[in-house]
Amino acid sequence: ISFITNLVVIHKTVKLDLKDLFKKVFKFVYPLILMILVLNVIKYIIPFNINNKFDSILIICIYAFIGASIYLGLTLYNGTFKEIFGNRFLKKIKK
């Protein structure tokens, strides 16, 4: 409730465009939600109940790679990455 109250006060004092704000927040949040959903599905395919430390580290690395790939891919696809870092950074990565 305080979040909504703060948004209303900011909108009244600064004339912040809330539609634009919610669009940007959605661009950040939906890759995160999809990443969490996919990782929860993968949790059933690759269980995490391993007693060996090396196997645990290997599973964590696999989960991290999959999660990072999903989030990075979706942020590149929807243009959020470009909005944050700009074209120059993307050109450096592609080289």
PDB file of N, CA and C in Angstrom:
ATOM      1  N   ILE A   1       0.831  -1.188   0.000  1.00  0.00           N
ATOM      2  CA  ILE A   1       0.000   0.000   0.000  1.00  0.00           C
ATOM      3  C   ILE A   1       0.876   1.253   0.000  1.00  0.00           C
ATOM      4  N   SER A   2       1.979   1.222   0.735  1.00  0.00           N
ATOM      5  CA  SER A   2       2.855   2.399   0.774  1.00  0.00           C
ATOM      6  C   SER A   2       3.516   2.635  -0.582  1.00  0.00           C
ATOM      7  N   PHE A   3       3.764   1.563  -1.329  1.00  0.00           N
ATOM      8  CA  PHE A   3       4.336   1.693  -2.667  1.00  0.00           C
ATOM      9  C   PHE A   3       3.392   2.473  -3.578  1.00  0.00           C
ATOM     10  N   ILE A   4       2.129   2.131  -3.526  1.00  0.00           N
ATOM     11  CA  ILE A   4       1.134   2.806  -4.360  1.00  0.00           C
ATOM     12  C   ILE A   4       0.974   4.268  -3.915  1.00  0.00           C
ATOM     13  N   THR A   5       0.968   4.490  -2.610  1.00  0.00           N
ATOM     14  CA  THR A   5       0.861   5.851  -2.091  1.00  0.00           C
ATOM     15  C   THR A   5       2.048   6.696  -2.550  1.00  0.00           C
ATOM     16  N   ASN A   6       3.233   6.128  -2.479  1.00  0.00           N
ATOM     17  CA  ASN A   6       4.422   6.855  -2.935  1.00  0.00           C
ATOM     18  C   ASN A   6       4.350   7.169  -4.419  1.00  0.00           C
ATOM     19  N   LEU A   7       3.866   6.227  -5.220  1.00  0.00           N
ATOM     20  CA  LEU A   7       3.738   6.478  -6.654  1.00  0.00           C
ATOM     21  C   LEU A   7       2.748   7.611  -6.934  1.00  0.00           C
ATOM     22  N   VAL A   8       1.659   7.647  -6.196  1.00  0.00           N
ATOM     23  CA  VAL A   8       0.668   8.717  -6.378  1.00  0.00           C
ATOM     24  C   VAL A   8       1.268  10.071  -6.008  1.00  0.00           C
ATOM     25  N   VAL A   9       2.005  10.120  -4.901  1.00  0.00           N
ATOM     26  CA  VAL A   9       2.619  11.380  -4.469  1.00  0.00           C
ATOM     27  C   VAL A   9       3.667  11.834  -5.485  1.00  0.00           C
ATOM     28  N   ILE A  10       4.485  10.908  -5.958  1.00  0.00           N
ATOM     29  CA  ILE A  10       5.500  11.246  -6.962  1.00  0.00           C
ATOM     30  C   ILE A  10       4.828  11.719  -8.247  1.00  0.00           C
ATOM     31  N   HIS A  11       3.754  11.071  -8.632  1.00  0.00           N
ATOM     32  CA  HIS A  11       3.038  11.468  -9.845  1.00  0.00           C
ATOM     33  C   HIS A  11       2.473  12.884  -9.720  1.00  0.00           C
ATOM     34  N   LYS A  12       1.959  13.217  -8.552  1.00  0.00           N
ATOM     35  CA  LYS A  12       1.380  14.545  -8.356  1.00  0.00           C
ATOM     36  C   LYS A  12       2.446  15.631  -8.293  1.00  0.00           C
ATOM     37  N   THR A  13       3.584  15.356  -7.664  1.00  0.00           N
ATOM     38  CA  THR A  13       4.598  16.396  -7.487  1.00  0.00           C
ATOM     39  C   THR A  13       5.510  16.542  -8.705  1.00  0.00           C
ATOM     40  N   VAL A  14       5.914  15.443  -9.314  1.00  0.00           N
ATOM     41  CA  VAL A  14       6.887  15.486 -10.409  1.00  0.00           C
ATOM     42  C   VAL A  14       6.229  15.295 -11.771  1.00  0.00           C
ATOM     43  N   LYS A  15       4.982  14.916 -11.781  1.00  0.00           N
ATOM     44  CA  LYS A  15       4.244  14.595 -13.016  1.00  0.00           C
ATOM     45  C   LYS A  15       4.908  13.439 -13.772  1.00  0.00           C
ATOM     46  N   LEU A  16       5.229  12.406 -13.019  1.00  0.00           N
ATOM     47  CA  LEU A  16       5.844  11.212 -13.578  1.00  0.00           C
ATOM     48  C   LEU A  16       4.815  10.420 -14.368  1.00  0.00           C
ATOM     49  N   ASP A  17       5.190   9.984 -15.564  1.00  0.00           N
ATOM     50  CA  ASP A  17       4.294   9.182 -16.393  1.00  0.00           C
ATOM     51  C   ASP A  17       4.309   7.741 -15.875  1.00  0.00           C
ATOM     52  N   LEU A  18       3.236   7.334 -15.226  1.00  0.00           N
ATOM     53  CA  LEU A  18       3.186   6.007 -14.609  1.00  0.00           C
ATOM     54  C   LEU A  18       3.097   4.894 -15.644  1.00  0.00           C
ATOM     55  N   LYS A  19       2.481   5.150 -16.789  1.00  0.00           N
ATOM     56  CA  LYS A  19       2.397   4.119 -17.824  1.00  0.00           C
ATOM     57  C   LYS A  19       3.784   3.747 -18.317  1.00  0.00           C
ATOM     58  N   ASP A  20       4.614   4.748 -18.540  1.00  0.00           N
ATOM     59  CA  ASP A  20       5.979   4.490 -18.984  1.00  0.00           C
ATOM     60  C   ASP A  20       6.770   3.751 -17.910  1.00  0.00           C
ATOM     61  N   LEU A  21       6.553   4.145 -16.660  1.00  0.00           N
ATOM     62  CA  LEU A  21       7.238   3.473 -15.548  1.00  0.00           C
ATOM     63  C   LEU A  21       6.854   2.002 -15.474  1.00  0.00           C
ATOM     64  N   PHE A  22       5.557   1.707 -15.572  1.00  0.00           N
ATOM     65  CA  PHE A  22       5.110   0.314 -15.496  1.00  0.00           C
ATOM     66  C   PHE A  22       5.586  -0.506 -16.690  1.00  0.00           C
ATOM     67  N   LYS A  23       5.675   0.109 -17.863  1.00  0.00           N
ATOM     68  CA  LYS A  23       6.208  -0.601 -19.030  1.00  0.00           C
ATOM     69  C   LYS A  23       7.662  -0.986 -18.815  1.00  0.00           C
ATOM     70  N   LYS A  24       8.447  -0.059 -18.266  1.00  0.00           N
ATOM     71  CA  LYS A  24       9.863  -0.350 -18.014  1.00  0.00           C
ATOM     72  C   LYS A  24      10.024  -1.404 -16.926  1.00  0.00           C
ATOM     73  N   VAL A  25       9.226  -1.310 -15.887  1.00  0.00           N
ATOM     74  CA  VAL A  25       9.294  -2.311 -14.816  1.00  0.00           C
ATOM     75  C   VAL A  25       8.909  -3.679 -15.354  1.00  0.00           C
ATOM     76  N   PHE A  26       7.900  -3.729 -16.207  1.00  0.00           N
ATOM     77  CA  PHE A  26       7.475  -4.999 -16.799  1.00  0.00           C
ATOM     78  C   PHE A  26       8.590  -5.598 -17.658  1.00  0.00           C
ATOM     79  N   LYS A  27       9.323  -4.744 -18.376  1.00  0.00           N
ATOM     80  CA  LYS A  27      10.427  -5.238 -19.207  1.00  0.00           C
ATOM     81  C   LYS A  27      11.524  -5.888 -18.360  1.00  0.00           C
ATOM     82  N   PHE A  28      11.691  -5.430 -17.114  1.00  0.00           N
ATOM     83  CA  PHE A  28      12.682  -6.017 -16.228  1.00  0.00           C
ATOM     84  C   PHE A  28      12.152  -7.260 -15.514  1.00  0.00           C
ATOM     85  N   VAL A  29      10.862  -7.256 -15.208  1.00  0.00           N
ATOM     86  CA  VAL A  29      10.311  -8.299 -14.348  1.00  0.00           C
ATOM     87  C   VAL A  29       9.943  -9.565 -15.112  1.00  0.00           C
ATOM     88  N   TYR A  30       9.408  -9.453 -16.331  1.00  0.00           N
ATOM     89  CA  TYR A  30       8.959 -10.673 -16.984  1.00  0.00           C
ATOM     90  C   TYR A  30      10.100 -11.625 -17.358  1.00  0.00           C
ATOM     91  N   PRO A  31      11.315 -11.160 -17.723  1.00  0.00           N
ATOM     92  CA  PRO A  31      12.395 -12.140 -17.898  1.00  0.00           C
ATOM     93  C   PRO A  31      12.750 -12.845 -16.582  1.00  0.00           C
ATOM     94  N   LEU A  32      12.666 -12.108 -15.495  1.00  0.00           N
ATOM     95  CA  LEU A  32      12.950 -12.696 -14.187  1.00  0.00           C
ATOM     96  C   LEU A  32      11.932 -13.772 -13.835  1.00  0.00           C
ATOM     97  N   ILE A  33      10.654 -13.494 -14.081  1.00  0.00           N
ATOM     98  CA  ILE A  33       9.605 -14.467 -13.779  1.00  0.00           C
ATOM     99  C   ILE A  33       9.754 -15.717 -14.648  1.00  0.00           C
ATOM    100  N   LEU A  34      10.016 -15.523 -15.942  1.00  0.00           N
ATOM    101  CA  LEU A  34      10.212 -16.676 -16.824  1.00  0.00           C
ATOM    102  C   LEU A  34      11.437 -17.493 -16.432  1.00  0.00           C
ATOM    103  N   MET A  35      12.512 -16.806 -16.031  1.00  0.00           N
ATOM    104  CA  MET A  35      13.711 -17.506 -15.592  1.00  0.00           C
ATOM    105  C   MET A  35      13.412 -18.356 -14.355  1.00  0.00           C
ATOM    106  N   ILE A  36      12.692 -17.803 -13.399  1.00  0.00           N
ATOM    107  CA  ILE A  36      12.352 -18.545 -12.184  1.00  0.00           C
ATOM    108  C   ILE A  36      11.467 -19.738 -12.510  1.00  0.00           C
ATOM    109  N   LEU A  37      10.493 -19.553 -13.395  1.00  0.00           N
ATOM    110  CA  LEU A  37       9.627 -20.671 -13.787  1.00  0.00           C
ATOM    111  C   LEU A  37      10.411 -21.794 -14.460  1.00  0.00           C
ATOM    112  N   VAL A  38      11.291 -21.437 -15.377  1.00  0.00           N
ATOM    113  CA  VAL A  38      12.086 -22.461 -16.075  1.00  0.00           C
ATOM    114  C   VAL A  38      13.007 -23.177 -15.100  1.00  0.00           C
ATOM    115  N   LEU A  39      13.629 -22.435 -14.190  1.00  0.00           N
ATOM    116  CA  LEU A  39      14.513 -23.081 -13.218  1.00  0.00           C
ATOM    117  C   LEU A  39      13.747 -23.991 -12.264  1.00  0.00           C
ATOM    118  N   ASN A  40      12.514 -23.641 -11.948  1.00  0.00           N
ATOM    119  CA  ASN A  40      11.698 -24.533 -11.117  1.00  0.00           C
ATOM    120  C   ASN A  40      11.316 -25.799 -11.869  1.00  0.00           C
ATOM    121  N   VAL A  41      11.086 -25.705 -13.163  1.00  0.00           N
ATOM    122  CA  VAL A  41      10.808 -26.896 -13.960  1.00  0.00           C
ATOM    123  C   VAL A  41      12.059 -27.759 -14.062  1.00  0.00           C
ATOM    124  N   ILE A  42      13.204 -27.116 -14.261  1.00  0.00           N
ATOM    125  CA  ILE A  42      14.463 -27.867 -14.357  1.00  0.00           C
ATOM    126  C   ILE A  42      14.799 -28.545 -13.036  1.00  0.00           C
ATOM    127  N   LYS A  43      14.337 -27.967 -11.938  1.00  0.00           N
ATOM    128  CA  LYS A  43      14.578 -28.563 -10.619  1.00  0.00           C
ATOM    129  C   LYS A  43      14.019 -29.987 -10.546  1.00  0.00           C
ATOM    130  N   TYR A  44      12.916 -30.236 -11.275  1.00  0.00           N
ATOM    131  CA  TYR A  44      12.342 -31.581 -11.285  1.00  0.00           C
ATOM    132  C   TYR A  44      13.087 -32.506 -12.243  1.00  0.00           C
ATOM    133  N   ILE A  45      13.710 -31.956 -13.251  1.00  0.00           N
ATOM    134  CA  ILE A  45      14.475 -32.764 -14.205  1.00  0.00           C
ATOM    135  C   ILE A  45      15.843 -33.101 -13.641  1.00  0.00           C
ATOM    136  N   ILE A  46      16.530 -32.090 -13.093  1.00  0.00           N
ATOM    137  CA  ILE A  46      17.844 -32.288 -12.474  1.00  0.00           C
ATOM    138  C   ILE A  46      17.690 -31.997 -10.987  1.00  0.00           C
ATOM    139  N   PRO A  47      17.443 -33.008 -10.174  1.00  0.00           N
ATOM    140  CA  PRO A  47      17.222 -32.751  -8.738  1.00  0.00           C
ATOM    141  C   PRO A  47      18.492 -32.240  -8.057  1.00  0.00           C
ATOM    142  N   PHE A  48      18.284 -31.534  -6.975  1.00  0.00           N
ATOM    143  CA  PHE A  48      19.403 -30.917  -6.260  1.00  0.00           C
ATOM    144  C   PHE A  48      19.740 -31.650  -4.964  1.00  0.00           C
ATOM    145  N   ASN A  49      19.325 -32.880  -4.812  1.00  0.00           N
ATOM    146  CA  ASN A  49      19.595 -33.629  -3.580  1.00  0.00           C
ATOM    147  C   ASN A  49      20.850 -34.497  -3.742  1.00  0.00           C
ATOM    148  N   ILE A  50      21.975 -33.851  -3.908  1.00  0.00           N
ATOM    149  CA  ILE A  50      23.244 -34.538  -4.124  1.00  0.00           C
ATOM    150  C   ILE A  50      24.104 -34.345  -2.875  1.00  0.00           C
ATOM    151  N   ASN A  51      24.768 -35.414  -2.454  1.00  0.00           N
ATOM    152  CA  ASN A  51      25.586 -35.352  -1.245  1.00  0.00           C
ATOM    153  C   ASN A  51      27.030 -34.970  -1.530  1.00  0.00           C
ATOM    154  N   ASN A  52      27.477 -35.149  -2.753  1.00  0.00           N
ATOM    155  CA  ASN A  52      28.845 -34.856  -3.122  1.00  0.00           C
ATOM    156  C   ASN A  52      28.998 -33.359  -3.402  1.00  0.00           C
ATOM    157  N   LYS A  53      30.063 -32.740  -2.868  1.00  0.00           N
ATOM    158  CA  LYS A  53      30.260 -31.302  -3.052  1.00  0.00           C
ATOM    159  C   LYS A  53      30.535 -30.949  -4.513  1.00  0.00           C
ATOM    160  N   PHE A  54      31.309 -31.771  -5.201  1.00  0.00           N
ATOM    161  CA  PHE A  54      31.630 -31.485  -6.594  1.00  0.00           C
ATOM    162  C   PHE A  54      30.376 -31.531  -7.462  1.00  0.00           C
ATOM    163  N   ASP A  55      29.542 -32.524  -7.223  1.00  0.00           N
ATOM    164  CA  ASP A  55      28.295 -32.618  -7.993  1.00  0.00           C
ATOM    165  C   ASP A  55      27.369 -31.442  -7.698  1.00  0.00           C
ATOM    166  N   SER A  56      27.353 -31.004  -6.445  1.00  0.00           N
ATOM    167  CA  SER A  56      26.525 -29.847  -6.076  1.00  0.00           C
ATOM    168  C   SER A  56      27.000 -28.584  -6.794  1.00  0.00           C
ATOM    169  N   ILE A  57      28.308 -28.388  -6.835  1.00  0.00           N
ATOM    170  CA  ILE A  57      28.864 -27.220  -7.527  1.00  0.00           C
ATOM    171  C   ILE A  57      28.566 -27.305  -9.017  1.00  0.00           C
ATOM    172  N   LEU A  58      28.654 -28.490  -9.583  1.00  0.00           N
ATOM    173  CA  LEU A  58      28.362 -28.675 -10.997  1.00  0.00           C
ATOM    174  C   LEU A  58      26.897 -28.354 -11.295  1.00  0.00           C
ATOM    175  N   ILE A  59      25.992 -28.812 -10.465  1.00  0.00           N
ATOM    176  CA  ILE A  59      24.563 -28.542 -10.648  1.00  0.00           C
ATOM    177  C   ILE A  59      24.282 -27.043 -10.509  1.00  0.00           C
ATOM    178  N   ILE A  60      24.911 -26.402  -9.526  1.00  0.00           N
ATOM    179  CA  ILE A  60      24.732 -24.963  -9.345  1.00  0.00           C
ATOM    180  C   ILE A  60      25.214 -24.195 -10.573  1.00  0.00           C
ATOM    181  N   CYS A  61      26.343 -24.600 -11.125  1.00  0.00           N
ATOM    182  CA  CYS A  61      26.861 -23.953 -12.331  1.00  0.00           C
ATOM    183  C   CYS A  61      25.922 -24.149 -13.519  1.00  0.00           C
ATOM    184  N   ILE A  62      25.341 -25.333 -13.638  1.00  0.00           N
ATOM    185  CA  ILE A  62      24.383 -25.587 -14.724  1.00  0.00           C
ATOM    186  C   ILE A  62      23.151 -24.704 -14.553  1.00  0.00           C
ATOM    187  N   TYR A  63      22.618 -24.638 -13.335  1.00  0.00           N
ATOM    188  CA  TYR A  63      21.456 -23.790 -13.068  1.00  0.00           C
ATOM    189  C   TYR A  63      21.786 -22.322 -13.362  1.00  0.00           C
ATOM    190  N   ALA A  64      22.963 -21.871 -12.934  1.00  0.00           N
ATOM    191  CA  ALA A  64      23.356 -20.477 -13.153  1.00  0.00           C
ATOM    192  C   ALA A  64      23.479 -20.175 -14.642  1.00  0.00           C
ATOM    193  N   PHE A  65      24.071 -21.089 -15.397  1.00  0.00           N
ATOM    194  CA  PHE A  65      24.218 -20.885 -16.837  1.00  0.00           C
ATOM    195  C   PHE A  65      22.860 -20.822 -17.529  1.00  0.00           C
ATOM    196  N   ILE A  66      21.974 -21.711 -17.161  1.00  0.00           N
ATOM    197  CA  ILE A  66      20.640 -21.726 -17.773  1.00  0.00           C
ATOM    198  C   ILE A  66      19.866 -20.455 -17.404  1.00  0.00           C
ATOM    199  N   GLY A  67      19.900 -20.080 -16.138  1.00  0.00           N
ATOM    200  CA  GLY A  67      19.188 -18.876 -15.700  1.00  0.00           C
ATOM    201  C   GLY A  67      19.743 -17.614 -16.339  1.00  0.00           C
ATOM    202  N   ALA A  68      21.059 -17.498 -16.385  1.00  0.00           N
ATOM    203  CA  ALA A  68      21.674 -16.320 -16.997  1.00  0.00           C
ATOM    204  C   ALA A  68      21.383 -16.269 -18.492  1.00  0.00           C
ATOM    205  N   SER A  69      21.397 -17.423 -19.145  1.00  0.00           N
ATOM    206  CA  SER A  69      21.110 -17.463 -20.583  1.00  0.00           C
ATOM    207  C   SER A  69      19.676 -17.020 -20.865  1.00  0.00           C
ATOM    208  N   ILE A  70      18.748 -17.482 -20.059  1.00  0.00           N
ATOM    209  CA  ILE A  70      17.347 -17.099 -20.246  1.00  0.00           C
ATOM    210  C   ILE A  70      17.169 -15.607 -20.013  1.00  0.00           C
ATOM    211  N   TYR A  71      17.700 -15.100 -18.914  1.00  0.00           N
ATOM    212  CA  TYR A  71      17.517 -13.682 -18.596  1.00  0.00           C
ATOM    213  C   TYR A  71      18.208 -12.794 -19.620  1.00  0.00           C
ATOM    214  N   LEU A  72      19.436 -13.119 -19.981  1.00  0.00           N
ATOM    215  CA  LEU A  72      20.159 -12.319 -20.961  1.00  0.00           C
ATOM    216  C   LEU A  72      19.482 -12.377 -22.326  1.00  0.00           C
ATOM    217  N   GLY A  73      19.050 -13.562 -22.720  1.00  0.00           N
ATOM    218  CA  GLY A  73      18.372 -13.695 -24.008  1.00  0.00           C
ATOM    219  C   GLY A  73      17.093 -12.888 -24.073  1.00  0.00           C
ATOM    220  N   LEU A  74      16.297 -12.933 -23.019  1.00  0.00           N
ATOM    221  CA  LEU A  74      15.038 -12.181 -23.014  1.00  0.00           C
ATOM    222  C   LEU A  74      15.262 -10.673 -22.937  1.00  0.00           C
ATOM    223  N   THR A  75      16.261 -10.241 -22.179  1.00  0.00           N
ATOM    224  CA  THR A  75      16.527  -8.806 -22.122  1.00  0.00           C
ATOM    225  C   THR A  75      17.119  -8.298 -23.431  1.00  0.00           C
ATOM    226  N   LEU A  76      17.877  -9.121 -24.123  1.00  0.00           N
ATOM    227  CA  LEU A  76      18.346  -8.726 -25.448  1.00  0.00           C
ATOM    228  C   LEU A  76      17.192  -8.681 -26.431  1.00  0.00           C
ATOM    229  N   TYR A  77      16.286  -9.643 -26.335  1.00  0.00           N
ATOM    230  CA  TYR A  77      15.151  -9.727 -27.256  1.00  0.00           C
ATOM    231  C   TYR A  77      14.190  -8.550 -27.101  1.00  0.00           C
ATOM    232  N   ASN A  78      13.899  -8.165 -25.851  1.00  0.00           N
ATOM    233  CA  ASN A  78      12.922  -7.085 -25.661  1.00  0.00           C
ATOM    234  C   ASN A  78      13.554  -5.697 -25.654  1.00  0.00           C
ATOM    235  N   GLY A  79      14.863  -5.589 -25.783  1.00  0.00           N
ATOM    236  CA  GLY A  79      15.533  -4.297 -25.911  1.00  0.00           C
ATOM    237  C   GLY A  79      15.934  -3.645 -24.608  1.00  0.00           C
ATOM    238  N   THR A  80      15.702  -4.287 -23.490  1.00  0.00           N
ATOM    239  CA  THR A  80      16.057  -3.706 -22.200  1.00  0.00           C
ATOM    240  C   THR A  80      17.565  -3.566 -22.053  1.00  0.00           C
ATOM    241  N   PHE A  81      18.292  -4.560 -22.516  1.00  0.00           N
ATOM    242  CA  PHE A  81      19.755  -4.525 -22.425  1.00  0.00           C
ATOM    243  C   PHE A  81      20.301  -3.337 -23.203  1.00  0.00           C
ATOM    244  N   LYS A  82      19.729  -3.094 -24.371  1.00  0.00           N
ATOM    245  CA  LYS A  82      20.152  -1.970 -25.212  1.00  0.00           C
ATOM    246  C   LYS A  82      19.818  -0.641 -24.550  1.00  0.00           C
ATOM    247  N   GLU A  83      18.667  -0.552 -23.885  1.00  0.00           N
ATOM    248  CA  GLU A  83      18.282   0.677 -23.190  1.00  0.00           C
ATOM    249  C   GLU A  83      19.238   1.008 -22.049  1.00  0.00           C
ATOM    250  N   ILE A  84      19.727  -0.014 -21.367  1.00  0.00           N
ATOM    251  CA  ILE A  84      20.595   0.199 -20.218  1.00  0.00           C
ATOM    252  C   ILE A  84      22.022   0.527 -20.661  1.00  0.00           C
ATOM    253  N   PHE A  85      22.588  -0.312 -21.536  1.00  0.00           N
ATOM    254  CA  PHE A  85      23.997  -0.197 -21.883  1.00  0.00           C
ATOM    255  C   PHE A  85      24.262   0.525 -23.201  1.00  0.00           C
ATOM    256  N   GLY A  86      23.286   0.610 -24.077  1.00  0.00           N
ATOM    257  CA  GLY A  86      23.469   1.298 -25.345  1.00  0.00           C
ATOM    258  C   GLY A  86      24.045   0.400 -26.427  1.00  0.00           C
ATOM    259  N   ASN A  87      24.133   0.945 -27.622  1.00  0.00           N
ATOM    260  CA  ASN A  87      24.618   0.181 -28.773  1.00  0.00           C
ATOM    261  C   ASN A  87      26.109  -0.088 -28.707  1.00  0.00           C
ATOM    262  N   ARG A  88      26.866   0.832 -28.136  1.00  0.00           N
ATOM    263  CA  ARG A  88      28.324   0.689 -28.102  1.00  0.00           C
ATOM    264  C   ARG A  88      28.747  -0.562 -27.339  1.00  0.00           C
ATOM    265  N   PHE A  89      28.098  -0.823 -26.239  1.00  0.00           N
ATOM    266  CA  PHE A  89      28.429  -2.001 -25.434  1.00  0.00           C
ATOM    267  C   PHE A  89      28.074  -3.287 -26.173  1.00  0.00           C
ATOM    268  N   LEU A  90      26.930  -3.293 -26.863  1.00  0.00           N
ATOM    269  CA  LEU A  90      26.531  -4.473 -27.631  1.00  0.00           C
ATOM    270  C   LEU A  90      27.484  -4.749 -28.778  1.00  0.00           C
ATOM    271  N   LYS A  91      27.997  -3.694 -29.409  1.00  0.00           N
ATOM    272  CA  LYS A  91      28.961  -3.869 -30.494  1.00  0.00           C
ATOM    273  C   LYS A  91      30.259  -4.469 -29.968  1.00  0.00           C
ATOM    274  N   LYS A  92      30.679  -4.082 -28.770  1.00  0.00           N
ATOM    275  CA  LYS A  92      31.890  -4.641 -28.163  1.00  0.00           C
ATOM    276  C   LYS A  92      31.705  -6.131 -27.870  1.00  0.00           C
ATOM    277  N   ILE A  93      30.526  -6.513 -27.433  1.00  0.00           N
ATOM    278  CA  ILE A  93      30.256  -7.911 -27.110  1.00  0.00           C
ATOM    279  C   ILE A  93      30.247  -8.758 -28.371  1.00  0.00           C
ATOM    280  N   LYS A  94      29.674  -8.234 -29.432  1.00  0.00           N
ATOM    281  CA  LYS A  94      29.562  -8.993 -30.665  1.00  0.00           C
ATOM    282  C   LYS A  94      30.889  -9.203 -31.364  1.00  0.00           C
ATOM    283  N   LYS A  95      31.897  -8.377 -31.068  1.00  0.00           N
ATOM    284  CA  LYS A  95      33.223  -8.525 -31.700  1.00  0.00           C
ATOM    285  C   LYS A  95      33.959  -9.709 -31.196  1.00  0.00           C
TER     286      LYS A  95
END
